[in-house]
Amino acid sequence: MTRAEFEADLRREGYEIHEGEIQPHTHRQLHAHDHDTRLFVLDGHFTLALGQDRVTYGPGESWIVPAGTVHAEHTEADGVRYLYGIRSAAPRASAR
């Protein structure tokens, strides 16, 4: 996927588009967001930790972190520059 394709997907799906950067050797502790997030790596590498699973993403790769997903984020020596979109979490059906 290209940056232009990713941005078009974000717009079509109702995401606000932003660009971000995380410095090298950064380790963000476990946390969750109250919004859905989609990310796309522009430069560098980004490791997403979900429980015991660790996945490292590089340039041109993207992923989704749904609202409420507990995760940690890490960078290595190259840090990361990325494009991301956020949108309010989809309403959940209430139990009756």
PDB file of N, CA and C in Angstrom:
ATOM      1  N   MET A   1       0.843  -1.175   0.000  1.00  0.00           N
ATOM      2  CA  MET A   1       0.000   0.000   0.000  1.00  0.00           C
ATOM      3  C   MET A   1       0.888   1.237   0.000  1.00  0.00           C
ATOM      4  N   THR A   2       0.478   2.234  -0.734  1.00  0.00           N
ATOM      5  CA  THR A   2       1.212   3.491  -0.767  1.00  0.00           C
ATOM      6  C   THR A   2       0.619   4.469   0.244  1.00  0.00           C
ATOM      7  N   ARG A   3       1.348   5.536   0.502  1.00  0.00           N
ATOM      8  CA  ARG A   3       0.851   6.574   1.404  1.00  0.00           C
ATOM      9  C   ARG A   3      -0.470   7.145   0.889  1.00  0.00           C
ATOM     10  N   ALA A   4      -0.532   7.417  -0.422  1.00  0.00           N
ATOM     11  CA  ALA A   4      -1.751   7.986  -1.003  1.00  0.00           C
ATOM     12  C   ALA A   4      -2.933   7.036  -0.825  1.00  0.00           C
ATOM     13  N   GLU A   5      -2.728   5.744  -1.023  1.00  0.00           N
ATOM     14  CA  GLU A   5      -3.803   4.762  -0.840  1.00  0.00           C
ATOM     15  C   GLU A   5      -4.242   4.718   0.618  1.00  0.00           C
ATOM     16  N   PHE A   6      -3.272   4.749   1.532  1.00  0.00           N
ATOM     17  CA  PHE A   6      -3.581   4.721   2.955  1.00  0.00           C
ATOM     18  C   PHE A   6      -4.407   5.950   3.342  1.00  0.00           C
ATOM     19  N   GLU A   7      -3.977   7.129   2.907  1.00  0.00           N
ATOM     20  CA  GLU A   7      -4.710   8.352   3.223  1.00  0.00           C
ATOM     21  C   GLU A   7      -6.125   8.311   2.641  1.00  0.00           C
ATOM     22  N   ALA A   8      -6.274   7.783   1.433  1.00  0.00           N
ATOM     23  CA  ALA A   8      -7.608   7.682   0.824  1.00  0.00           C
ATOM     24  C   ALA A   8      -8.496   6.751   1.648  1.00  0.00           C
ATOM     25  N   ASP A   9      -7.937   5.628   2.116  1.00  0.00           N
ATOM     26  CA  ASP A   9      -8.692   4.706   2.976  1.00  0.00           C
ATOM     27  C   ASP A   9      -9.134   5.405   4.260  1.00  0.00           C
ATOM     28  N   LEU A  10      -8.215   6.156   4.881  1.00  0.00           N
ATOM     29  CA  LEU A  10      -8.547   6.849   6.123  1.00  0.00           C
ATOM     30  C   LEU A  10      -9.703   7.824   5.907  1.00  0.00           C
ATOM     31  N   ARG A  11      -9.628   8.609   4.859  1.00  0.00           N
ATOM     32  CA  ARG A  11     -10.686   9.585   4.581  1.00  0.00           C
ATOM     33  C   ARG A  11     -12.025   8.883   4.360  1.00  0.00           C
ATOM     34  N   ARG A  12     -11.992   7.816   3.573  1.00  0.00           N
ATOM     35  CA  ARG A  12     -13.220   7.078   3.258  1.00  0.00           C
ATOM     36  C   ARG A  12     -13.844   6.472   4.516  1.00  0.00           C
ATOM     37  N   GLU A  13     -13.003   6.071   5.478  1.00  0.00           N
ATOM     38  CA  GLU A  13     -13.485   5.417   6.694  1.00  0.00           C
ATOM     39  C   GLU A  13     -13.719   6.382   7.851  1.00  0.00           C
ATOM     40  N   GLY A  14     -13.574   7.685   7.604  1.00  0.00           N
ATOM     41  CA  GLY A  14     -13.910   8.690   8.609  1.00  0.00           C
ATOM     42  C   GLY A  14     -12.844   8.949   9.664  1.00  0.00           C
ATOM     43  N   TYR A  15     -11.578   8.700   9.349  1.00  0.00           N
ATOM     44  CA  TYR A  15     -10.477   8.958  10.286  1.00  0.00           C
ATOM     45  C   TYR A  15      -9.945  10.367  10.116  1.00  0.00           C
ATOM     46  N   GLU A  16      -9.483  10.973  11.209  1.00  0.00           N
ATOM     47  CA  GLU A  16      -8.702  12.214  11.167  1.00  0.00           C
ATOM     48  C   GLU A  16      -7.262  11.798  10.881  1.00  0.00           C
ATOM     49  N   ILE A  17      -6.570  12.497   9.980  1.00  0.00           N
ATOM     50  CA  ILE A  17      -5.214  12.118   9.573  1.00  0.00           C
ATOM     51  C   ILE A  17      -4.176  12.997  10.265  1.00  0.00           C
ATOM     52  N   HIS A  18      -3.124  12.342  10.774  1.00  0.00           N
ATOM     53  CA  HIS A  18      -2.024  13.033  11.461  1.00  0.00           C
ATOM     54  C   HIS A  18      -0.704  12.370  11.064  1.00  0.00           C
ATOM     55  N   GLU A  19       0.385  13.074  11.323  1.00  0.00           N
ATOM     56  CA  GLU A  19       1.710  12.497  11.131  1.00  0.00           C
ATOM     57  C   GLU A  19       2.428  12.556  12.472  1.00  0.00           C
ATOM     58  N   GLY A  20       3.189  11.518  12.782  1.00  0.00           N
ATOM     59  CA  GLY A  20       3.885  11.469  14.069  1.00  0.00           C
ATOM     60  C   GLY A  20       5.284  10.911  13.935  1.00  0.00           C
ATOM     61  N   GLU A  21       6.019  11.019  15.025  1.00  0.00           N
ATOM     62  CA  GLU A  21       7.393  10.519  15.073  1.00  0.00           C
ATOM     63  C   GLU A  21       7.677  10.059  16.495  1.00  0.00           C
ATOM     64  N   ILE A  22       8.389   8.965  16.615  1.00  0.00           N
ATOM     65  CA  ILE A  22       8.849   8.484  17.920  1.00  0.00           C
ATOM     66  C   ILE A  22      10.356   8.340  17.826  1.00  0.00           C
ATOM     67  N   GLN A  23      11.046   8.915  18.778  1.00  0.00           N
ATOM     68  CA  GLN A  23      12.507   8.910  18.791  1.00  0.00           C
ATOM     69  C   GLN A  23      13.067   7.494  18.961  1.00  0.00           C
ATOM     70  N   PRO A  24      14.338   7.290  18.585  1.00  0.00           N
ATOM     71  CA  PRO A  24      14.967   5.978  18.743  1.00  0.00           C
ATOM     72  C   PRO A  24      14.956   5.504  20.197  1.00  0.00           C
ATOM     73  N   HIS A  25      14.931   4.202  20.352  1.00  0.00           N
ATOM     74  CA  HIS A  25      15.022   3.526  21.658  1.00  0.00           C
ATOM     75  C   HIS A  25      13.952   3.998  22.648  1.00  0.00           C
ATOM     76  N   THR A  26      12.744   4.202  22.148  1.00  0.00           N
ATOM     77  CA  THR A  26      11.627   4.586  23.008  1.00  0.00           C
ATOM     78  C   THR A  26      10.801   3.356  23.327  1.00  0.00           C
ATOM     79  N   HIS A  27      10.429   3.225  24.596  1.00  0.00           N
ATOM     80  CA  HIS A  27       9.599   2.098  25.037  1.00  0.00           C
ATOM     81  C   HIS A  27       8.401   2.672  25.784  1.00  0.00           C
ATOM     82  N   ARG A  28       7.245   2.645  25.127  1.00  0.00           N
ATOM     83  CA  ARG A  28       6.011   3.131  25.747  1.00  0.00           C
ATOM     84  C   ARG A  28       5.321   1.964  26.435  1.00  0.00           C
ATOM     85  N   GLN A  29       4.977   2.156  27.680  1.00  0.00           N
ATOM     86  CA  GLN A  29       4.374   1.102  28.497  1.00  0.00           C
ATOM     87  C   GLN A  29       2.966   0.751  28.019  1.00  0.00           C
ATOM     88  N   LEU A  30       2.438  -0.340  28.591  1.00  0.00           N
ATOM     89  CA  LEU A  30       1.097  -0.779  28.245  1.00  0.00           C
ATOM     90  C   LEU A  30       0.089   0.347  28.436  1.00  0.00           C
ATOM     91  N   HIS A  31      -0.793   0.491  27.455  1.00  0.00           N
ATOM     92  CA  HIS A  31      -1.838   1.500  27.506  1.00  0.00           C
ATOM     93  C   HIS A  31      -2.918   1.125  26.488  1.00  0.00           C
ATOM     94  N   ALA A  32      -4.011   1.837  26.514  1.00  0.00           N
ATOM     95  CA  ALA A  32      -5.090   1.658  25.545  1.00  0.00           C
ATOM     96  C   ALA A  32      -5.632   3.031  25.186  1.00  0.00           C
ATOM     97  N   HIS A  33      -6.276   3.117  24.040  1.00  0.00           N
ATOM     98  CA  HIS A  33      -6.868   4.375  23.584  1.00  0.00           C
ATOM     99  C   HIS A  33      -8.384   4.242  23.566  1.00  0.00           C
ATOM    100  N   ASP A  34      -9.085   5.357  23.671  1.00  0.00           N
ATOM    101  CA  ASP A  34     -10.545   5.330  23.595  1.00  0.00           C
ATOM    102  C   ASP A  34     -11.027   5.581  22.166  1.00  0.00           C
ATOM    103  N   HIS A  35     -10.123   5.439  21.197  1.00  0.00           N
ATOM    104  CA  HIS A  35     -10.455   5.620  19.780  1.00  0.00           C
ATOM    105  C   HIS A  35      -9.765   4.532  18.959  1.00  0.00           C
ATOM    106  N   ASP A  36     -10.293   4.270  17.774  1.00  0.00           N
ATOM    107  CA  ASP A  36      -9.643   3.366  16.833  1.00  0.00           C
ATOM    108  C   ASP A  36      -8.468   4.107  16.209  1.00  0.00           C
ATOM    109  N   THR A  37      -7.373   3.388  15.994  1.00  0.00           N
ATOM    110  CA  THR A  37      -6.183   3.982  15.389  1.00  0.00           C
ATOM    111  C   THR A  37      -5.706   3.107  14.238  1.00  0.00           C
ATOM    112  N   ARG A  38      -5.369   3.736  13.120  1.00  0.00           N
ATOM    113  CA  ARG A  38      -4.711   3.041  12.006  1.00  0.00           C
ATOM    114  C   ARG A  38      -3.383   3.736  11.789  1.00  0.00           C
ATOM    115  N   LEU A  39      -2.317   2.934  11.600  1.00  0.00           N
ATOM    116  CA  LEU A  39      -0.976   3.486  11.432  1.00  0.00           C
ATOM    117  C   LEU A  39      -0.326   2.974  10.160  1.00  0.00           C
ATOM    118  N   PHE A  40       0.582   3.783   9.613  1.00  0.00           N
ATOM    119  CA  PHE A  40       1.310   3.472   8.392  1.00  0.00           C
ATOM    120  C   PHE A  40       2.729   3.987   8.569  1.00  0.00           C
ATOM    121  N   VAL A  41       3.731   3.108   8.478  1.00  0.00           N
ATOM    122  CA  VAL A  41       5.128   3.509   8.685  1.00  0.00           C
ATOM    123  C   VAL A  41       5.666   4.197   7.435  1.00  0.00           C
ATOM    124  N   LEU A  42       6.199   5.403   7.632  1.00  0.00           N
ATOM    125  CA  LEU A  42       6.842   6.149   6.552  1.00  0.00           C
ATOM    126  C   LEU A  42       8.339   5.843   6.516  1.00  0.00           C
ATOM    127  N   ASP A  43       9.000   5.924   7.677  1.00  0.00           N
ATOM    128  CA  ASP A  43      10.439   5.653   7.804  1.00  0.00           C
ATOM    129  C   ASP A  43      10.699   4.998   9.150  1.00  0.00           C
ATOM    130  N   GLY A  44      11.704   4.123   9.207  1.00  0.00           N
ATOM    131  CA  GLY A  44      12.079   3.488  10.464  1.00  0.00           C
ATOM    132  C   GLY A  44      11.269   2.230  10.731  1.00  0.00           C
ATOM    133  N   HIS A  45      11.256   1.833  12.002  1.00  0.00           N
ATOM    134  CA  HIS A  45      10.559   0.609  12.406  1.00  0.00           C
ATOM    135  C   HIS A  45       9.836   0.832  13.725  1.00  0.00           C
ATOM    136  N   PHE A  46       8.735   0.105  13.891  1.00  0.00           N
ATOM    137  CA  PHE A  46       7.841   0.262  15.033  1.00  0.00           C
ATOM    138  C   PHE A  46       7.440  -1.131  15.481  1.00  0.00           C
ATOM    139  N   THR A  47       7.617  -1.446  16.756  1.00  0.00           N
ATOM    140  CA  THR A  47       7.207  -2.746  17.279  1.00  0.00           C
ATOM    141  C   THR A  47       5.983  -2.553  18.151  1.00  0.00           C
ATOM    142  N   LEU A  48       4.951  -3.309  17.849  1.00  0.00           N
ATOM    143  CA  LEU A  48       3.708  -3.303  18.604  1.00  0.00           C
ATOM    144  C   LEU A  48       3.674  -4.575  19.435  1.00  0.00           C
ATOM    145  N   ALA A  49       3.467  -4.427  20.732  1.00  0.00           N
ATOM    146  CA  ALA A  49       3.395  -5.565  21.646  1.00  0.00           C
ATOM    147  C   ALA A  49       1.966  -5.716  22.144  1.00  0.00           C
ATOM    148  N   LEU A  50       1.392  -6.880  21.861  1.00  0.00           N
ATOM    149  CA  LEU A  50       0.036  -7.226  22.309  1.00  0.00           C
ATOM    150  C   LEU A  50       0.174  -8.498  23.132  1.00  0.00           C
ATOM    151  N   GLY A  51       0.146  -8.380  24.455  1.00  0.00           N
ATOM    152  CA  GLY A  51       0.389  -9.548  25.303  1.00  0.00           C
ATOM    153  C   GLY A  51       1.796 -10.057  25.059  1.00  0.00           C
ATOM    154  N   GLN A  52       1.927 -11.341  24.753  1.00  0.00           N
ATOM    155  CA  GLN A  52       3.239 -11.933  24.479  1.00  0.00           C
ATOM    156  C   GLN A  52       3.652 -11.783  23.014  1.00  0.00           C
ATOM    157  N   ASP A  53       2.724 -11.360  22.166  1.00  0.00           N
ATOM    158  CA  ASP A  53       3.022 -11.217  20.741  1.00  0.00           C
ATOM    159  C   ASP A  53       3.695  -9.884  20.459  1.00  0.00           C
ATOM    160  N   ARG A  54       4.725  -9.930  19.595  1.00  0.00           N
ATOM    161  CA  ARG A  54       5.441  -8.736  19.179  1.00  0.00           C
ATOM    162  C   ARG A  54       5.532  -8.761  17.659  1.00  0.00           C
ATOM    163  N   VAL A  55       5.123  -7.651  17.032  1.00  0.00           N
ATOM    164  CA  VAL A  55       5.208  -7.549  15.577  1.00  0.00           C
ATOM    165  C   VAL A  55       5.918  -6.243  15.243  1.00  0.00           C
ATOM    166  N   THR A  56       6.931  -6.323  14.381  1.00  0.00           N
ATOM    167  CA  THR A  56       7.662  -5.126  13.971  1.00  0.00           C
ATOM    168  C   THR A  56       7.241  -4.761  12.559  1.00  0.00           C
ATOM    169  N   TYR A  57       6.900  -3.482  12.381  1.00  0.00           N
ATOM    170  CA  TYR A  57       6.443  -2.962  11.100  1.00  0.00           C
ATOM    171  C   TYR A  57       7.499  -2.015  10.547  1.00  0.00           C
ATOM    172  N   GLY A  58       7.675  -2.043   9.222  1.00  0.00           N
ATOM    173  CA  GLY A  58       8.624  -1.171   8.543  1.00  0.00           C
ATOM    174  C   GLY A  58       7.928  -0.320   7.501  1.00  0.00           C
ATOM    175  N   PRO A  59       8.696   0.446   6.735  1.00  0.00           N
ATOM    176  CA  PRO A  59       8.135   1.357   5.742  1.00  0.00           C
ATOM    177  C   PRO A  59       7.133   0.669   4.812  1.00  0.00           C
ATOM    178  N   GLY A  60       5.972   1.334   4.645  1.00  0.00           N
ATOM    179  CA  GLY A  60       4.934   0.815   3.768  1.00  0.00           C
ATOM    180  C   GLY A  60       3.970  -0.151   4.421  1.00  0.00           C
ATOM    181  N   GLU A  61       4.216  -0.516   5.679  1.00  0.00           N
ATOM    182  CA  GLU A  61       3.335  -1.457   6.366  1.00  0.00           C
ATOM    183  C   GLU A  61       2.356  -0.699   7.254  1.00  0.00           C
ATOM    184  N   SER A  62       1.166  -1.283   7.428  1.00  0.00           N
ATOM    185  CA  SER A  62       0.143  -0.628   8.232  1.00  0.00           C
ATOM    186  C   SER A  62      -0.578  -1.650   9.090  1.00  0.00           C
ATOM    187  N   TRP A  63      -1.293  -1.130  10.096  1.00  0.00           N
ATOM    188  CA  TRP A  63      -2.064  -1.980  10.995  1.00  0.00           C
ATOM    189  C   TRP A  63      -3.114  -1.145  11.692  1.00  0.00           C
ATOM    190  N   ILE A  64      -4.042  -1.857  12.358  1.00  0.00           N
ATOM    191  CA  ILE A  64      -5.136  -1.215  13.074  1.00  0.00           C
ATOM    192  C   ILE A  64      -5.060  -1.605  14.546  1.00  0.00           C
ATOM    193  N   VAL A  65      -5.261  -0.637  15.422  1.00  0.00           N
ATOM    194  CA  VAL A  65      -5.377  -0.893  16.861  1.00  0.00           C
ATOM    195  C   VAL A  65      -6.775  -0.415  17.273  1.00  0.00           C
ATOM    196  N   PRO A  66      -7.711  -1.355  17.455  1.00  0.00           N
ATOM    197  CA  PRO A  66      -9.065  -0.957  17.844  1.00  0.00           C
ATOM    198  C   PRO A  66      -9.094  -0.311  19.234  1.00  0.00           C
ATOM    199  N   ALA A  67     -10.048   0.551  19.449  1.00  0.00           N
ATOM    200  CA  ALA A  67     -10.229   1.189  20.761  1.00  0.00           C
ATOM    201  C   ALA A  67     -10.253   0.118  21.850  1.00  0.00           C
ATOM    202  N   GLY A  68      -9.613   0.430  22.969  1.00  0.00           N
ATOM    203  CA  GLY A  68      -9.613  -0.464  24.118  1.00  0.00           C
ATOM    204  C   GLY A  68      -8.580  -1.570  24.077  1.00  0.00           C
ATOM    205  N   THR A  69      -7.813  -1.690  22.992  1.00  0.00           N
ATOM    206  CA  THR A  69      -6.788  -2.727  22.878  1.00  0.00           C
ATOM    207  C   THR A  69      -5.574  -2.344  23.712  1.00  0.00           C
ATOM    208  N   VAL A  70      -5.242  -3.152  24.706  1.00  0.00           N
ATOM    209  CA  VAL A  70      -4.071  -2.885  25.547  1.00  0.00           C
ATOM    210  C   VAL A  70      -2.828  -3.299  24.755  1.00  0.00           C
ATOM    211  N   HIS A  71      -1.890  -2.369  24.643  1.00  0.00           N
ATOM    212  CA  HIS A  71      -0.686  -2.616  23.849  1.00  0.00           C
ATOM    213  C   HIS A  71       0.468  -1.750  24.354  1.00  0.00           C
ATOM    214  N   ALA A  72       1.680  -2.107  23.929  1.00  0.00           N
ATOM    215  CA  ALA A  72       2.873  -1.300  24.191  1.00  0.00           C
ATOM    216  C   ALA A  72       3.524  -1.018  22.843  1.00  0.00           C
ATOM    217  N   GLU A  73       4.328   0.042  22.785  1.00  0.00           N
ATOM    218  CA  GLU A  73       4.975   0.451  21.542  1.00  0.00           C
ATOM    219  C   GLU A  73       6.465   0.646  21.803  1.00  0.00           C
ATOM    220  N   HIS A  74       7.282   0.183  20.847  1.00  0.00           N
ATOM    221  CA  HIS A  74       8.731   0.281  21.002  1.00  0.00           C
ATOM    222  C   HIS A  74       9.370   0.667  19.672  1.00  0.00           C
ATOM    223  N   THR A  75      10.464   1.408  19.755  1.00  0.00           N
ATOM    224  CA  THR A  75      11.282   1.675  18.578  1.00  0.00           C
ATOM    225  C   THR A  75      12.702   1.214  18.875  1.00  0.00           C
ATOM    226  N   GLU A  76      13.457   1.003  17.825  1.00  0.00           N
ATOM    227  CA  GLU A  76      14.863   0.623  17.960  1.00  0.00           C
ATOM    228  C   GLU A  76      15.730   1.814  17.553  1.00  0.00           C
ATOM    229  N   ALA A  77      16.923   1.546  17.082  1.00  0.00           N
ATOM    230  CA  ALA A  77      17.908   2.595  16.807  1.00  0.00           C
ATOM    231  C   ALA A  77      17.463   3.603  15.743  1.00  0.00           C
ATOM    232  N   ASP A  78      16.569   3.202  14.834  1.00  0.00           N
ATOM    233  CA  ASP A  78      16.175   4.126  13.771  1.00  0.00           C
ATOM    234  C   ASP A  78      14.940   4.963  14.098  1.00  0.00           C
ATOM    235  N   GLY A  79      14.290   4.703  15.241  1.00  0.00           N
ATOM    236  CA  GLY A  79      13.072   5.446  15.546  1.00  0.00           C
ATOM    237  C   GLY A  79      12.029   5.177  14.480  1.00  0.00           C
ATOM    238  N   VAL A  80      10.992   5.994  14.412  1.00  0.00           N
ATOM    239  CA  VAL A  80       9.964   5.793  13.401  1.00  0.00           C
ATOM    240  C   VAL A  80       9.254   7.111  13.110  1.00  0.00           C
ATOM    241  N   ARG A  81       8.912   7.287  11.851  1.00  0.00           N
ATOM    242  CA  ARG A  81       8.052   8.381  11.404  1.00  0.00           C
ATOM    243  C   ARG A  81       6.858   7.704  10.755  1.00  0.00           C
ATOM    244  N   TYR A  82       5.660   8.143  11.116  1.00  0.00           N
ATOM    245  CA  TYR A  82       4.476   7.420  10.670  1.00  0.00           C
ATOM    246  C   TYR A  82       3.300   8.354  10.416  1.00  0.00           C
ATOM    247  N   LEU A  83       2.364   7.848   9.660  1.00  0.00           N
ATOM    248  CA  LEU A  83       1.104   8.507   9.399  1.00  0.00           C
ATOM    249  C   LEU A  83       0.070   7.733  10.195  1.00  0.00           C
ATOM    250  N   TYR A  84      -0.886   8.439  10.804  1.00  0.00           N
ATOM    251  CA  TYR A  84      -1.901   7.709  11.547  1.00  0.00           C
ATOM    252  C   TYR A  84      -3.251   8.402  11.448  1.00  0.00           C
ATOM    253  N   GLY A  85      -4.267   7.596  11.627  1.00  0.00           N
ATOM    254  CA  GLY A  85      -5.615   8.106  11.633  1.00  0.00           C
ATOM    255  C   GLY A  85      -6.310   7.691  12.914  1.00  0.00           C
ATOM    256  N   ILE A  86      -7.152   8.580  13.437  1.00  0.00           N
ATOM    257  CA  ILE A  86      -7.945   8.246  14.625  1.00  0.00           C
ATOM    258  C   ILE A  86      -9.405   8.568  14.343  1.00  0.00           C
ATOM    259  N   ARG A  87     -10.272   7.758  14.927  1.00  0.00           N
ATOM    260  CA  ARG A  87     -11.707   8.033  14.845  1.00  0.00           C
ATOM    261  C   ARG A  87     -12.360   7.498  16.107  1.00  0.00           C
ATOM    262  N   SER A  88     -13.483   8.066  16.455  1.00  0.00           N
ATOM    263  CA  SER A  88     -14.227   7.608  17.619  1.00  0.00           C
ATOM    264  C   SER A  88     -14.533   6.125  17.451  1.00  0.00           C
ATOM    265  N   ALA A  89     -14.484   5.421  18.566  1.00  0.00           N
ATOM    266  CA  ALA A  89     -14.771   3.993  18.535  1.00  0.00           C
ATOM    267  C   ALA A  89     -16.211   3.780  18.100  1.00  0.00           C
ATOM    268  N   ALA A  90     -16.424   2.707  17.357  1.00  0.00           N
ATOM    269  CA  ALA A  90     -17.790   2.366  16.940  1.00  0.00           C
ATOM    270  C   ALA A  90     -18.617   2.040  18.169  1.00  0.00           C
ATOM    271  N   PRO A  91     -19.855   2.491  18.208  1.00  0.00           N
ATOM    272  CA  PRO A  91     -20.690   2.181  19.378  1.00  0.00           C
ATOM    273  C   PRO A  91     -20.865   0.672  19.507  1.00  0.00           C
ATOM    274  N   ARG A  92     -20.821   0.200  20.726  1.00  0.00           N
ATOM    275  CA  ARG A  92     -20.993  -1.217  20.984  1.00  0.00           C
ATOM    276  C   ARG A  92     -22.452  -1.481  21.352  1.00  0.00           C
ATOM    277  N   ALA A  93     -22.949  -2.608  20.889  1.00  0.00           N
ATOM    278  CA  ALA A  93     -24.336  -2.973  21.227  1.00  0.00           C
ATOM    279  C   ALA A  93     -24.429  -3.240  22.713  1.00  0.00           C
ATOM    280  N   SER A  94     -25.452  -2.720  23.338  1.00  0.00           N
ATOM    281  CA  SER A  94     -25.611  -2.939  24.780  1.00  0.00           C
ATOM    282  C   SER A  94     -26.415  -4.213  25.017  1.00  0.00           C
ATOM    283  N   ALA A  95     -26.058  -4.905  26.085  1.00  0.00           N
ATOM    284  CA  ALA A  95     -26.786  -6.134  26.448  1.00  0.00           C
ATOM    285  C   ALA A  95     -28.122  -5.739  27.076  1.00  0.00           C
ATOM    286  N   ARG A  96     -29.169  -6.445  26.747  1.00  0.00           N
ATOM    287  CA  ARG A  96     -30.486  -6.150  27.324  1.00  0.00           C
ATOM    288  C   ARG A  96     -30.951  -7.314  28.115  1.00  0.00           C
TER     289      ARG A  96
END
